[in-house]
Protein backbone atom coordinates (compact mmCIF):
# COMPACT_ATOMS: atom_id res chain seq x y z
CA PRO A 1 -28.42 -20.54 -105.85
CA TYR A 2 -25.35 -22.21 -104.45
CA THR A 3 -24.67 -25.54 -106.15
CA GLY A 4 -21.82 -27.97 -105.91
CA ALA A 5 -20.50 -31.36 -106.85
CA GLY A 6 -21.38 -34.47 -104.91
CA ASN A 7 -25.15 -34.24 -104.90
CA SER A 8 -25.26 -37.84 -106.11
CA ASP A 9 -23.34 -39.06 -103.06
CA PRO A 10 -24.83 -41.99 -101.18
CA PHE A 11 -27.35 -41.15 -98.46
CA ASN A 12 -25.81 -40.20 -95.14
CA PRO A 13 -27.45 -42.08 -92.28
CA LEU A 14 -29.88 -40.02 -90.26
CA ASP A 15 -30.11 -40.33 -86.49
CA PRO A 16 -33.33 -38.54 -85.42
CA VAL A 17 -32.21 -38.18 -81.80
CA GLN A 18 -28.81 -36.78 -82.76
CA GLN A 19 -30.38 -34.36 -85.27
CA TRP A 20 -32.87 -33.10 -82.68
CA ARG A 21 -30.18 -32.60 -80.03
CA ALA A 22 -28.00 -30.73 -82.52
CA LEU A 23 -30.82 -28.30 -83.29
CA ALA A 24 -31.67 -27.92 -79.61
CA ARG A 25 -28.09 -26.88 -78.84
CA ILE A 26 -28.54 -23.90 -81.15
CA LEU A 27 -30.85 -22.34 -78.57
CA ASP A 28 -27.89 -21.95 -76.22
CA ALA A 29 -25.80 -20.26 -78.91
CA GLN A 30 -27.97 -17.19 -79.40
CA PRO A 31 -26.17 -13.89 -78.83
CA VAL A 32 -26.75 -11.80 -75.73
CA GLN A 33 -28.61 -8.56 -76.41
CA ARG A 34 -27.79 -5.15 -74.95
CA ASP A 35 -30.22 -5.66 -72.10
CA GLY A 36 -28.46 -8.89 -71.13
CA THR A 37 -31.13 -11.21 -72.52
CA ARG A 38 -31.19 -13.50 -75.53
CA VAL A 39 -33.75 -13.50 -78.33
CA ALA A 40 -36.06 -16.26 -77.17
CA LEU A 41 -36.74 -18.96 -79.74
CA ALA A 42 -39.23 -21.81 -79.69
CA LEU A 43 -38.16 -25.16 -81.12
CA ALA A 44 -40.78 -27.87 -81.52
CA ARG A 45 -40.18 -31.44 -82.62
CA LEU A 46 -42.84 -33.00 -84.80
CA LEU A 47 -43.85 -36.45 -83.57
CA PRO A 48 -44.72 -38.60 -85.34
CA PRO A 49 -42.78 -37.06 -88.26
CA THR A 50 -45.38 -37.92 -90.87
CA LEU A 51 -46.94 -35.92 -93.68
CA ALA A 52 -50.35 -36.21 -92.02
CA ARG A 53 -49.01 -34.74 -88.76
CA LEU A 54 -47.25 -31.95 -90.66
CA ARG A 55 -50.49 -31.04 -92.41
CA GLU A 56 -52.28 -31.01 -89.07
CA VAL A 57 -49.95 -28.55 -87.36
CA LEU A 58 -49.64 -26.29 -90.41
CA ALA A 59 -53.41 -26.10 -90.86
CA ARG A 60 -53.62 -23.58 -88.00
CA GLY A 61 -53.04 -20.85 -90.57
CA GLU A 62 -50.72 -17.88 -90.72
CA HIS A 63 -52.75 -15.73 -88.32
CA ASP A 64 -52.54 -18.21 -85.43
CA PRO A 65 -50.21 -16.75 -82.75
CA ASP A 66 -48.56 -20.17 -82.40
CA ALA A 67 -48.08 -20.66 -86.13
CA PHE A 68 -44.65 -21.84 -87.18
CA ARG A 69 -42.53 -19.29 -89.07
CA VAL A 70 -39.70 -21.65 -89.98
CA ALA A 71 -39.95 -25.36 -90.81
CA HIS A 72 -36.72 -27.35 -90.63
CA ILE A 73 -37.13 -30.66 -92.46
CA ILE A 74 -34.46 -33.32 -91.93
CA ALA A 75 -35.05 -36.15 -94.37
CA GLN A 76 -33.66 -38.04 -97.32
CA GLY A 77 -34.75 -37.03 -100.78
CA GLU A 78 -34.39 -38.34 -104.30
CA HIS A 79 -35.78 -37.25 -107.69
CA ASP A 80 -38.08 -34.54 -106.28
CA THR A 81 -39.48 -36.84 -103.59
CA LEU A 82 -38.97 -37.01 -99.84
CA LEU A 83 -38.71 -40.16 -97.76
CA LEU A 84 -40.82 -39.48 -94.70
CA GLU A 85 -42.03 -41.71 -91.91
CA HIS A 86 -45.38 -43.44 -92.31
CA ALA A 87 -47.81 -43.74 -89.42
CA SER A 88 -47.16 -47.49 -89.39
CA GLY A 89 -43.45 -46.87 -88.84
CA GLY A 90 -42.37 -47.58 -92.38
CA THR A 91 -41.28 -45.17 -95.10
CA GLN A 92 -43.64 -42.99 -97.10
CA ILE A 93 -42.48 -41.60 -100.43
CA VAL A 94 -43.93 -38.09 -100.77
CA GLY A 95 -43.90 -36.21 -104.06
CA ALA A 96 -42.98 -32.53 -104.35
CA GLU A 97 -46.54 -31.35 -105.03
CA ALA A 98 -48.02 -33.29 -102.12
CA PHE A 99 -45.36 -31.98 -99.73
CA ALA A 100 -45.70 -28.37 -100.90
CA GLY A 101 -49.48 -28.65 -100.57
CA ALA A 102 -49.11 -29.08 -96.82
CA PHE A 103 -47.87 -25.46 -96.63
CA ALA A 104 -50.70 -23.95 -98.71
CA THR A 105 -52.30 -22.02 -95.83
CA SER A 106 -49.52 -22.12 -93.25
CA GLY A 107 -47.69 -19.28 -91.54
CA VAL A 108 -44.30 -20.69 -92.49
CA ARG A 109 -42.05 -18.15 -94.24
CA VAL A 110 -38.79 -20.13 -94.41
CA VAL A 111 -38.33 -23.83 -95.12
CA VAL A 112 -34.98 -25.52 -94.53
CA LEU A 113 -34.67 -28.79 -96.47
CA ASP A 114 -31.81 -30.46 -94.63
CA GLY A 115 -30.58 -33.29 -96.87
CA CYS A 116 -33.62 -33.26 -99.14
CA PHE A 117 -33.42 -30.04 -101.19
CA SER A 118 -35.04 -30.16 -104.62
CA PRO A 119 -35.19 -27.22 -107.07
CA LEU A 120 -38.71 -28.28 -108.09
CA LEU A 121 -39.90 -28.51 -104.50
CA ALA A 122 -38.35 -25.13 -103.69
CA GLU A 123 -40.08 -23.52 -106.66
CA LEU A 124 -43.44 -25.04 -105.74
CA LEU A 125 -43.13 -23.77 -102.18
CA VAL A 126 -42.30 -20.15 -103.11
CA GLU A 127 -44.76 -19.98 -106.02
CA ARG A 128 -47.83 -21.74 -104.58
CA THR A 129 -47.64 -21.21 -100.82
CA PRO A 130 -46.92 -18.38 -98.34
CA VAL A 131 -43.33 -19.68 -98.05
CA GLN A 132 -40.92 -16.99 -99.21
CA ALA A 133 -37.54 -18.71 -98.87
CA VAL A 134 -36.23 -22.25 -99.19
CA VAL A 135 -32.72 -23.18 -98.10
CA GLY A 136 -31.04 -26.55 -97.99
CA THR A 137 -28.82 -29.32 -99.25
CA ARG A 138 -29.57 -32.30 -101.45
CA ARG A 139 -27.63 -34.61 -99.15
CA LYS A 140 -27.23 -34.40 -95.38
CA LEU A 141 -23.84 -32.94 -94.50
CA ALA A 142 -21.59 -34.20 -91.75
CA GLN A 143 -23.03 -33.08 -88.42
CA PRO A 144 -20.30 -30.53 -87.55
CA SER A 145 -20.87 -28.68 -90.85
CA ALA A 146 -24.65 -28.85 -90.61
CA SER A 147 -24.59 -27.61 -87.01
CA ALA A 148 -22.25 -24.74 -87.88
CA PHE A 149 -24.49 -23.62 -90.74
CA ASN A 150 -27.69 -23.93 -88.69
CA ALA A 151 -26.25 -22.03 -85.72
CA ALA A 152 -25.07 -19.14 -87.87
CA PHE A 153 -28.23 -19.07 -90.00
CA TYR A 154 -30.70 -19.07 -87.11
CA THR A 155 -28.66 -16.65 -85.04
CA ALA A 156 -28.80 -14.17 -87.91
CA LEU A 157 -32.53 -14.69 -88.47
CA CYS A 158 -33.44 -14.20 -84.81
CA THR A 159 -31.62 -10.86 -84.75
CA GLY A 160 -33.68 -9.60 -87.70
CA GLN A 161 -31.30 -10.24 -90.59
CA PRO A 162 -32.94 -10.92 -93.97
CA VAL A 163 -32.79 -14.51 -95.17
CA ARG A 164 -30.30 -13.69 -97.93
CA GLU A 165 -27.89 -12.11 -95.45
CA ALA A 166 -28.37 -14.92 -92.92
CA PHE A 167 -27.60 -17.42 -95.67
CA ARG A 168 -24.49 -15.50 -96.74
CA MET A 169 -23.22 -15.38 -93.16
CA ALA A 170 -23.84 -19.10 -92.59
CA VAL A 171 -22.18 -20.11 -95.85
CA GLY A 172 -19.27 -17.85 -94.94
CA VAL A 173 -18.73 -19.85 -91.75
CA LEU A 174 -18.41 -23.05 -93.79
CA GLU A 175 -16.15 -21.40 -96.36
CA ARG A 176 -13.69 -20.70 -93.57
CA THR A 177 -13.82 -24.33 -92.46
CA PRO A 178 -11.74 -26.92 -94.36
CA GLY A 179 -14.13 -29.40 -95.95
CA GLY A 180 -17.10 -27.47 -94.61
CA GLY A 181 -19.28 -28.14 -97.64
CA ALA A 182 -20.33 -24.54 -98.25
CA ASP A 183 -20.98 -25.30 -101.93
CA ARG A 184 -23.65 -27.85 -101.00
CA TYR A 185 -26.13 -25.24 -99.81
CA GLU A 186 -28.73 -23.80 -102.15
CA MET A 187 -31.35 -21.09 -101.76
CA VAL A 188 -34.51 -19.97 -103.57
CA LEU A 189 -36.20 -16.68 -102.64
CA ALA A 190 -39.59 -15.30 -103.60
CA ASP A 191 -38.29 -11.70 -103.26
CA ASP A 192 -34.95 -9.97 -102.90
CA VAL A 193 -35.64 -9.13 -99.26
CA VAL A 194 -37.29 -11.82 -97.14
CA THR A 195 -37.41 -11.60 -93.35
CA VAL A 196 -38.93 -13.74 -90.63
CA PRO A 197 -41.56 -11.81 -88.65
CA LEU A 198 -40.46 -11.53 -85.03
CA PRO A 199 -42.76 -10.62 -82.13
CA HIS A 200 -42.37 -7.26 -80.45
CA PRO A 201 -39.77 -7.40 -77.65
CA ASP A 202 -42.50 -6.86 -75.05
CA GLU A 203 -44.33 -9.95 -76.36
CA ARG A 204 -41.38 -12.33 -76.40
CA ALA A 205 -40.87 -15.14 -73.93
CA SER A 206 -38.24 -14.64 -71.26
CA ARG A 207 -36.45 -17.85 -72.19
CA ALA A 208 -36.19 -20.34 -75.02
CA LEU A 209 -38.98 -22.87 -75.40
CA LEU A 210 -38.07 -26.46 -76.21
CA LEU A 211 -40.92 -28.81 -77.11
CA ASP A 212 -39.67 -32.34 -77.70
CA GLY A 213 -43.03 -33.73 -78.83
CA GLN A 214 -43.24 -36.17 -75.92
CA PRO A 215 -46.22 -36.36 -73.56
CA ARG A 216 -45.90 -34.19 -70.47
CA ARG A 217 -44.22 -36.07 -67.65
CA VAL A 218 -44.84 -35.25 -63.98
CA SER A 219 -42.80 -36.80 -61.16
CA VAL A 220 -41.19 -39.28 -63.53
CA PRO A 221 -37.59 -40.18 -62.57
């Protein structure tokens, strides 16, 4: 694992809209393949971002064709707990075991804990659920560093790189950036070689899919 000083820093403020837009921009950064196309990714925003809603979407199971393969969690964490949104709009403190339990029958293979990494939570996920890799930071990094890591990490994954290699490449980007915070990222793997299953090229969408979690709008200015 990669560890570093500063994990007791004060919480960085989280702007849900800014975080979503930053992830969405990654879709435009995917490399062009030999045939002139990009590897199509699907990015879905979970609304409301509650534990109950997470359990609902993950309950589809790993064999569902629409099952998520990667879960990117942006939250604040402290002492092996996550601060998630409650259905009432307040804050719900979720323990490591309760959070990991949501992934018990999911199709998720990689979990990114963005600003809420916990060694205990990572171990629970890889030991008790189908999750095979957990990557993240204990505190949310400045947006330029987080975006640089995410872009490099997901670009490598969508081209078939193993998680370990994708992690190495993404950390390398931050190591070449002054103050990038490369030492803040940590990783726990279930096996030496972990990959994200990708659909056959003939079964992939022709373009990226962006699902913002909002109701479908027709003829709305």
